[in-house]
């Protein structure tokens, strides 16, 4: 049985739910695929919503969020399961 290829994602954590939902809308408008997920413990004490973006799209995601003054408080890279 061959091992399934695992993808690397960048996860963004936000201080508030408002910031997370704003970021989701900004990324959608910019055409960056994102997934809403619970904030991983490794990102610390933040709101309960994080956004996951394929690592290949992370630069585009960050440019889009900066252009709209959306601030994320923490980030980490994560392999999917």
PDB file of N, CA and C in Angstrom:
ATOM      1  N   UNK A   1       0.850  -1.177   0.000  1.00  0.00           N
ATOM      2  CA  UNK A   1       0.000   0.000   0.000  1.00  0.00           C
ATOM      3  C   UNK A   1       0.892   1.237   0.000  1.00  0.00           C
ATOM      4  N   UNK A   2       0.654   2.172  -0.912  1.00  0.00           N
ATOM      5  CA  UNK A   2       1.483   3.366  -0.985  1.00  0.00           C
ATOM      6  C   UNK A   2       0.987   4.415   0.005  1.00  0.00           C
ATOM      7  N   UNK A   3       1.944   5.182   0.491  1.00  0.00           N
ATOM      8  CA  UNK A   3       1.598   6.251   1.423  1.00  0.00           C
ATOM      9  C   UNK A   3       0.986   7.413   0.649  1.00  0.00           C
ATOM     10  N   UNK A   4      -0.099   7.945   1.152  1.00  0.00           N
ATOM     11  CA  UNK A   4      -0.757   9.092   0.531  1.00  0.00           C
ATOM     12  C   UNK A   4       0.095  10.332   0.790  1.00  0.00           C
ATOM     13  N   UNK A   5       0.281  11.147  -0.254  1.00  0.00           N
ATOM     14  CA  UNK A   5       1.061  12.367  -0.103  1.00  0.00           C
ATOM     15  C   UNK A   5       0.347  13.326   0.838  1.00  0.00           C
ATOM     16  N   UNK A   6       1.100  13.864   1.776  1.00  0.00           N
ATOM     17  CA  UNK A   6       0.542  14.814   2.736  1.00  0.00           C
ATOM     18  C   UNK A   6       0.880  16.223   2.292  1.00  0.00           C
ATOM     19  N   UNK A   7      -0.064  17.140   2.425  1.00  0.00           N
ATOM     20  CA  UNK A   7       0.140  18.536   2.019  1.00  0.00           C
ATOM     21  C   UNK A   7       0.521  19.390   3.213  1.00  0.00           C
ATOM     22  N   UNK A   8       1.331  20.384   2.928  1.00  0.00           N
ATOM     23  CA  UNK A   8       1.749  21.340   3.946  1.00  0.00           C
ATOM     24  C   UNK A   8       0.866  22.584   3.841  1.00  0.00           C
ATOM     25  N   UNK A   9       0.386  23.030   4.984  1.00  0.00           N
ATOM     26  CA  UNK A   9      -0.481  24.205   5.048  1.00  0.00           C
ATOM     27  C   UNK A   9       0.117  25.232   5.996  1.00  0.00           C
ATOM     28  N   UNK A  10      -0.227  26.502   5.778  1.00  0.00           N
ATOM     29  CA  UNK A  10       0.076  27.546   6.742  1.00  0.00           C
ATOM     30  C   UNK A  10      -1.234  27.902   7.424  1.00  0.00           C
ATOM     31  N   UNK A  11      -1.177  27.988   8.729  1.00  0.00           N
ATOM     32  CA  UNK A  11      -2.356  28.292   9.540  1.00  0.00           C
ATOM     33  C   UNK A  11      -2.165  29.674  10.162  1.00  0.00           C
ATOM     34  N   UNK A  12      -3.206  30.484  10.065  1.00  0.00           N
ATOM     35  CA  UNK A  12      -3.179  31.843  10.604  1.00  0.00           C
ATOM     36  C   UNK A  12      -4.144  31.942  11.777  1.00  0.00           C
ATOM     37  N   UNK A  13      -3.657  32.469  12.898  1.00  0.00           N
ATOM     38  CA  UNK A  13      -4.481  32.687  14.075  1.00  0.00           C
ATOM     39  C   UNK A  13      -4.764  34.168  14.252  1.00  0.00           C
ATOM     40  N   UNK A  14      -5.935  34.478  14.780  1.00  0.00           N
ATOM     41  CA  UNK A  14      -6.396  35.860  14.889  1.00  0.00           C
ATOM     42  C   UNK A  14      -6.810  36.176  16.315  1.00  0.00           C
ATOM     43  N   UNK A  15      -6.691  37.452  16.663  1.00  0.00           N
ATOM     44  CA  UNK A  15      -7.054  37.897  18.004  1.00  0.00           C
ATOM     45  C   UNK A  15      -8.559  37.846  18.232  1.00  0.00           C
ATOM     46  N   UNK A  16      -9.332  38.126  17.184  1.00  0.00           N
ATOM     47  CA  UNK A  16     -10.788  38.156  17.351  1.00  0.00           C
ATOM     48  C   UNK A  16     -11.478  37.385  16.226  1.00  0.00           C
ATOM     49  N   UNK A  17     -12.684  36.960  16.501  1.00  0.00           N
ATOM     50  CA  UNK A  17     -13.495  36.287  15.490  1.00  0.00           C
ATOM     51  C   UNK A  17     -13.750  37.232  14.321  1.00  0.00           C
ATOM     52  N   UNK A  18     -13.969  38.492  14.616  1.00  0.00           N
ATOM     53  CA  UNK A  18     -14.181  39.492  13.559  1.00  0.00           C
ATOM     54  C   UNK A  18     -12.987  39.514  12.595  1.00  0.00           C
ATOM     55  N   UNK A  19     -11.770  39.527  13.137  1.00  0.00           N
ATOM     56  CA  UNK A  19     -10.568  39.534  12.292  1.00  0.00           C
ATOM     57  C   UNK A  19     -10.499  38.272  11.431  1.00  0.00           C
ATOM     58  N   UNK A  20     -10.822  37.129  12.015  1.00  0.00           N
ATOM     59  CA  UNK A  20     -10.771  35.866  11.271  1.00  0.00           C
ATOM     60  C   UNK A  20     -11.793  35.860  10.131  1.00  0.00           C
ATOM     61  N   UNK A  21     -13.003  36.310  10.402  1.00  0.00           N
ATOM     62  CA  UNK A  21     -14.039  36.320   9.370  1.00  0.00           C
ATOM     63  C   UNK A  21     -13.742  37.353   8.287  1.00  0.00           C
ATOM     64  N   UNK A  22     -13.160  38.488   8.685  1.00  0.00           N
ATOM     65  CA  UNK A  22     -12.744  39.485   7.698  1.00  0.00           C
ATOM     66  C   UNK A  22     -11.655  38.906   6.808  1.00  0.00           C
ATOM     67  N   UNK A  23     -10.687  38.230   7.398  1.00  0.00           N
ATOM     68  CA  UNK A  23      -9.610  37.607   6.621  1.00  0.00           C
ATOM     69  C   UNK A  23     -10.170  36.564   5.657  1.00  0.00           C
ATOM     70  N   UNK A  24     -11.123  35.782   6.112  1.00  0.00           N
ATOM     71  CA  UNK A  24     -11.727  34.778   5.231  1.00  0.00           C
ATOM     72  C   UNK A  24     -12.357  35.453   4.005  1.00  0.00           C
ATOM     73  N   UNK A  25     -13.077  36.544   4.213  1.00  0.00           N
ATOM     74  CA  UNK A  25     -13.706  37.264   3.097  1.00  0.00           C
ATOM     75  C   UNK A  25     -12.656  37.866   2.169  1.00  0.00           C
ATOM     76  N   UNK A  26     -11.597  38.434   2.732  1.00  0.00           N
ATOM     77  CA  UNK A  26     -10.517  39.024   1.933  1.00  0.00           C
ATOM     78  C   UNK A  26      -9.866  37.944   1.066  1.00  0.00           C
ATOM     79  N   UNK A  27      -9.587  36.799   1.653  1.00  0.00           N
ATOM     80  CA  UNK A  27      -8.940  35.722   0.898  1.00  0.00           C
ATOM     81  C   UNK A  27      -9.866  35.170  -0.180  1.00  0.00           C
ATOM     82  N   UNK A  28     -11.134  35.051   0.131  1.00  0.00           N
ATOM     83  CA  UNK A  28     -12.104  34.596  -0.878  1.00  0.00           C
ATOM     84  C   UNK A  28     -12.132  35.572  -2.055  1.00  0.00           C
ATOM     85  N   UNK A  29     -12.194  36.874  -1.750  1.00  0.00           N
ATOM     86  CA  UNK A  29     -12.208  37.893  -2.802  1.00  0.00           C
ATOM     87  C   UNK A  29     -10.929  37.878  -3.630  1.00  0.00           C
ATOM     88  N   UNK A  30      -9.806  37.498  -3.004  1.00  0.00           N
ATOM     89  CA  UNK A  30      -8.513  37.449  -3.701  1.00  0.00           C
ATOM     90  C   UNK A  30      -8.315  36.131  -4.447  1.00  0.00           C
ATOM     91  N   UNK A  31      -9.265  35.212  -4.316  1.00  0.00           N
ATOM     92  CA  UNK A  31      -9.154  33.933  -5.000  1.00  0.00           C
ATOM     93  C   UNK A  31      -8.215  32.939  -4.334  1.00  0.00           C
ATOM     94  N   UNK A  32      -7.935  33.145  -3.049  1.00  0.00           N
ATOM     95  CA  UNK A  32      -7.063  32.239  -2.294  1.00  0.00           C
ATOM     96  C   UNK A  32      -7.948  31.229  -1.557  1.00  0.00           C
ATOM     97  N   UNK A  33      -7.770  29.959  -1.877  1.00  0.00           N
ATOM     98  CA  UNK A  33      -8.551  28.907  -1.216  1.00  0.00           C
ATOM     99  C   UNK A  33      -8.134  28.818   0.254  1.00  0.00           C
ATOM    100  N   UNK A  34      -9.124  28.804   1.123  1.00  0.00           N
ATOM    101  CA  UNK A  34      -8.864  28.738   2.562  1.00  0.00           C
ATOM    102  C   UNK A  34      -9.886  27.839   3.234  1.00  0.00           C
ATOM    103  N   UNK A  35      -9.491  27.298   4.356  1.00  0.00           N
ATOM    104  CA  UNK A  35     -10.374  26.464   5.159  1.00  0.00           C
ATOM    105  C   UNK A  35     -10.417  27.031   6.565  1.00  0.00           C
ATOM    106  N   UNK A  36     -11.610  27.185   7.102  1.00  0.00           N
ATOM    107  CA  UNK A  36     -11.778  27.611   8.488  1.00  0.00           C
ATOM    108  C   UNK A  36     -11.583  26.388   9.373  1.00  0.00           C
ATOM    109  N   UNK A  37     -10.856  26.569  10.461  1.00  0.00           N
ATOM    110  CA  UNK A  37     -10.595  25.456  11.372  1.00  0.00           C
ATOM    111  C   UNK A  37     -10.461  25.988  12.797  1.00  0.00           C
ATOM    112  N   UNK A  38     -10.576  25.099  13.788  1.00  0.00           N
ATOM    113  CA  UNK A  38     -10.328  25.535  15.166  1.00  0.00           C
ATOM    114  C   UNK A  38      -8.862  25.955  15.314  1.00  0.00           C
ATOM    115  N   UNK A  39      -8.612  26.945  16.121  1.00  0.00           N
ATOM    116  CA  UNK A  39      -7.242  27.408  16.329  1.00  0.00           C
ATOM    117  C   UNK A  39      -6.428  26.336  17.054  1.00  0.00           C
ATOM    118  N   UNK A  40      -5.307  25.913  16.465  1.00  0.00           N
ATOM    119  CA  UNK A  40      -4.447  24.931  17.144  1.00  0.00           C
ATOM    120  C   UNK A  40      -3.891  25.505  18.449  1.00  0.00           C
ATOM    121  N   UNK A  41      -3.738  24.679  19.435  1.00  0.00           N
ATOM    122  CA  UNK A  41      -3.201  25.110  20.737  1.00  0.00           C
ATOM    123  C   UNK A  41      -1.819  25.744  20.591  1.00  0.00           C
ATOM    124  N   UNK A  42      -1.057  25.263  19.620  1.00  0.00           N
ATOM    125  CA  UNK A  42       0.300  25.765  19.425  1.00  0.00           C
ATOM    126  C   UNK A  42       0.341  27.254  19.099  1.00  0.00           C
ATOM    127  N   UNK A  43      -0.774  27.815  18.642  1.00  0.00           N
ATOM    128  CA  UNK A  43      -0.813  29.245  18.319  1.00  0.00           C
ATOM    129  C   UNK A  43      -1.102  30.107  19.540  1.00  0.00           C
ATOM    130  N   UNK A  44      -1.409  29.499  20.660  1.00  0.00           N
ATOM    131  CA  UNK A  44      -1.607  30.254  21.890  1.00  0.00           C
ATOM    132  C   UNK A  44      -3.044  30.676  22.114  1.00  0.00           C
ATOM    133  N   UNK A  45      -3.205  31.649  23.002  1.00  0.00           N
ATOM    134  CA  UNK A  45      -4.509  32.142  23.429  1.00  0.00           C
ATOM    135  C   UNK A  45      -5.055  33.157  22.428  1.00  0.00           C
ATOM    136  N   UNK A  46      -5.714  32.680  21.417  1.00  0.00           N
ATOM    137  CA  UNK A  46      -6.325  33.526  20.404  1.00  0.00           C
ATOM    138  C   UNK A  46      -7.795  33.169  20.304  1.00  0.00           C
ATOM    139  N   UNK A  47      -8.510  33.814  19.384  1.00  0.00           N
ATOM    140  CA  UNK A  47      -9.914  33.436  19.203  1.00  0.00           C
ATOM    141  C   UNK A  47      -9.947  31.983  18.715  1.00  0.00           C
ATOM    142  N   UNK A  48     -11.080  31.380  18.699  1.00  0.00           N
ATOM    143  CA  UNK A  48     -11.193  29.965  18.367  1.00  0.00           C
ATOM    144  C   UNK A  48     -11.177  29.632  16.889  1.00  0.00           C
ATOM    145  N   UNK A  49     -11.060  30.648  16.024  1.00  0.00           N
ATOM    146  CA  UNK A  49     -11.110  30.415  14.584  1.00  0.00           C
ATOM    147  C   UNK A  49      -9.752  30.713  13.961  1.00  0.00           C
ATOM    148  N   UNK A  50      -9.255  29.774  13.168  1.00  0.00           N
ATOM    149  CA  UNK A  50      -8.021  29.962  12.401  1.00  0.00           C
ATOM    150  C   UNK A  50      -8.335  29.688  10.934  1.00  0.00           C
ATOM    151  N   UNK A  51      -7.449  30.133  10.060  1.00  0.00           N
ATOM    152  CA  UNK A  51      -7.597  29.879   8.629  1.00  0.00           C
ATOM    153  C   UNK A  51      -6.405  29.069   8.146  1.00  0.00           C
ATOM    154  N   UNK A  52      -6.691  28.075   7.328  1.00  0.00           N
ATOM    155  CA  UNK A  52      -5.656  27.207   6.763  1.00  0.00           C
ATOM    156  C   UNK A  52      -5.561  27.474   5.263  1.00  0.00           C
ATOM    157  N   UNK A  53      -4.329  27.692   4.789  1.00  0.00           N
ATOM    158  CA  UNK A  53      -4.064  27.992   3.391  1.00  0.00           C
ATOM    159  C   UNK A  53      -2.926  27.081   2.936  1.00  0.00           C
ATOM    160  N   UNK A  54      -3.007  26.545   1.721  1.00  0.00           N
ATOM    161  CA  UNK A  54      -1.900  25.750   1.192  1.00  0.00           C
ATOM    162  C   UNK A  54      -0.635  26.591   1.242  1.00  0.00           C
ATOM    163  N   UNK A  55       0.472  25.996   1.643  1.00  0.00           N
ATOM    164  CA  UNK A  55       1.712  26.757   1.809  1.00  0.00           C
ATOM    165  C   UNK A  55       2.118  27.441   0.502  1.00  0.00           C
ATOM    166  N   UNK A  56       1.763  26.867  -0.635  1.00  0.00           N
ATOM    167  CA  UNK A  56       2.087  27.480  -1.927  1.00  0.00           C
ATOM    168  C   UNK A  56       1.334  28.796  -2.149  1.00  0.00           C
ATOM    169  N   UNK A  57       0.215  28.967  -1.455  1.00  0.00           N
ATOM    170  CA  UNK A  57      -0.603  30.178  -1.603  1.00  0.00           C
ATOM    171  C   UNK A  57      -0.394  31.165  -0.457  1.00  0.00           C
ATOM    172  N   UNK A  58       0.500  30.851   0.470  1.00  0.00           N
ATOM    173  CA  UNK A  58       0.669  31.684   1.664  1.00  0.00           C
ATOM    174  C   UNK A  58       1.128  33.104   1.324  1.00  0.00           C
ATOM    175  N   UNK A  59       2.043  33.248   0.384  1.00  0.00           N
ATOM    176  CA  UNK A  59       2.519  34.587   0.025  1.00  0.00           C
ATOM    177  C   UNK A  59       1.376  35.434  -0.535  1.00  0.00           C
ATOM    178  N   UNK A  60       0.559  34.845  -1.411  1.00  0.00           N
ATOM    179  CA  UNK A  60      -0.601  35.563  -1.950  1.00  0.00           C
ATOM    180  C   UNK A  60      -1.586  35.919  -0.839  1.00  0.00           C
ATOM    181  N   UNK A  61      -1.789  34.994   0.087  1.00  0.00           N
ATOM    182  CA  UNK A  61      -2.712  35.237   1.202  1.00  0.00           C
ATOM    183  C   UNK A  61      -2.232  36.406   2.049  1.00  0.00           C
ATOM    184  N   UNK A  62      -0.953  36.409   2.367  1.00  0.00           N
ATOM    185  CA  UNK A  62      -0.409  37.468   3.219  1.00  0.00           C
ATOM    186  C   UNK A  62      -0.434  38.819   2.510  1.00  0.00           C
ATOM    187  N   UNK A  63      -0.137  38.836   1.213  1.00  0.00           N
ATOM    188  CA  UNK A  63      -0.217  40.091   0.458  1.00  0.00           C
ATOM    189  C   UNK A  63      -1.641  40.626   0.459  1.00  0.00           C
ATOM    190  N   UNK A  64      -2.630  39.740   0.265  1.00  0.00           N
ATOM    191  CA  UNK A  64      -4.034  40.159   0.238  1.00  0.00           C
ATOM    192  C   UNK A  64      -4.466  40.699   1.603  1.00  0.00           C
ATOM    193  N   UNK A  65      -4.067  40.009   2.673  1.00  0.00           N
ATOM    194  CA  UNK A  65      -4.456  40.469   4.007  1.00  0.00           C
ATOM    195  C   UNK A  65      -3.785  41.794   4.353  1.00  0.00           C
ATOM    196  N   UNK A  66      -2.511  41.944   4.013  1.00  0.00           N
ATOM    197  CA  UNK A  66      -1.818  43.213   4.286  1.00  0.00           C
ATOM    198  C   UNK A  66      -2.450  44.366   3.505  1.00  0.00           C
ATOM    199  N   UNK A  67      -2.819  44.098   2.258  1.00  0.00           N
ATOM    200  CA  UNK A  67      -3.421  45.151   1.419  1.00  0.00           C
ATOM    201  C   UNK A  67      -4.722  45.663   2.012  1.00  0.00           C
ATOM    202  N   UNK A  68      -5.415  44.810   2.768  1.00  0.00           N
ATOM    203  CA  UNK A  68      -6.694  45.202   3.380  1.00  0.00           C
ATOM    204  C   UNK A  68      -6.560  45.449   4.886  1.00  0.00           C
ATOM    205  N   UNK A  69      -5.320  45.560   5.364  1.00  0.00           N
ATOM    206  CA  UNK A  69      -5.012  45.847   6.771  1.00  0.00           C
ATOM    207  C   UNK A  69      -5.582  44.811   7.736  1.00  0.00           C
ATOM    208  N   UNK A  70      -5.629  43.557   7.312  1.00  0.00           N
ATOM    209  CA  UNK A  70      -6.055  42.461   8.186  1.00  0.00           C
ATOM    210  C   UNK A  70      -4.812  41.943   8.902  1.00  0.00           C
ATOM    211  N   UNK A  71      -4.887  41.866  10.224  1.00  0.00           N
ATOM    212  CA  UNK A  71      -3.732  41.471  11.022  1.00  0.00           C
ATOM    213  C   UNK A  71      -3.968  40.089  11.605  1.00  0.00           C
ATOM    214  N   UNK A  72      -3.019  39.195  11.392  1.00  0.00           N
ATOM    215  CA  UNK A  72      -3.046  37.894  12.051  1.00  0.00           C
ATOM    216  C   UNK A  72      -2.020  37.959  13.175  1.00  0.00           C
ATOM    217  N   UNK A  73      -2.260  37.218  14.236  1.00  0.00           N
ATOM    218  CA  UNK A  73      -1.400  37.302  15.427  1.00  0.00           C
ATOM    219  C   UNK A  73      -0.364  36.191  15.507  1.00  0.00           C
ATOM    220  N   UNK A  74      -0.619  35.079  14.843  1.00  0.00           N
ATOM    221  CA  UNK A  74       0.322  33.956  14.911  1.00  0.00           C
ATOM    222  C   UNK A  74       0.146  33.101  13.669  1.00  0.00           C
ATOM    223  N   UNK A  75       1.197  32.394  13.330  1.00  0.00           N
ATOM    224  CA  UNK A  75       1.136  31.489  12.190  1.00  0.00           C
ATOM    225  C   UNK A  75       1.998  30.263  12.469  1.00  0.00           C
ATOM    226  N   UNK A  76       1.651  29.191  11.828  1.00  0.00           N
ATOM    227  CA  UNK A  76       2.436  27.965  11.927  1.00  0.00           C
ATOM    228  C   UNK A  76       2.214  27.144  10.668  1.00  0.00           C
ATOM    229  N   UNK A  77       3.113  26.218  10.416  1.00  0.00           N
ATOM    230  CA  UNK A  77       2.914  25.301   9.302  1.00  0.00           C
ATOM    231  C   UNK A  77       2.475  23.975   9.853  1.00  0.00           C
ATOM    232  N   UNK A  78       1.613  23.295   9.095  1.00  0.00           N
ATOM    233  CA  UNK A  78       0.952  22.088   9.569  1.00  0.00           C
ATOM    234  C   UNK A  78       0.799  21.117   8.414  1.00  0.00           C
ATOM    235  N   UNK A  79       1.155  19.861   8.641  1.00  0.00           N
ATOM    236  CA  UNK A  79       0.899  18.812   7.654  1.00  0.00           C
ATOM    237  C   UNK A  79      -0.512  18.289   7.854  1.00  0.00           C
ATOM    238  N   UNK A  80      -1.230  18.088   6.738  1.00  0.00           N
ATOM    239  CA  UNK A  80      -2.572  17.516   6.885  1.00  0.00           C
ATOM    240  C   UNK A  80      -2.444  16.068   7.331  1.00  0.00           C
ATOM    241  N   UNK A  81      -3.531  15.505   7.766  1.00  0.00           N
ATOM    242  CA  UNK A  81      -3.503  14.129   8.300  1.00  0.00           C
ATOM    243  C   UNK A  81      -3.686  13.107   7.234  1.00  0.00           C
TER     244      UNK A  81
END
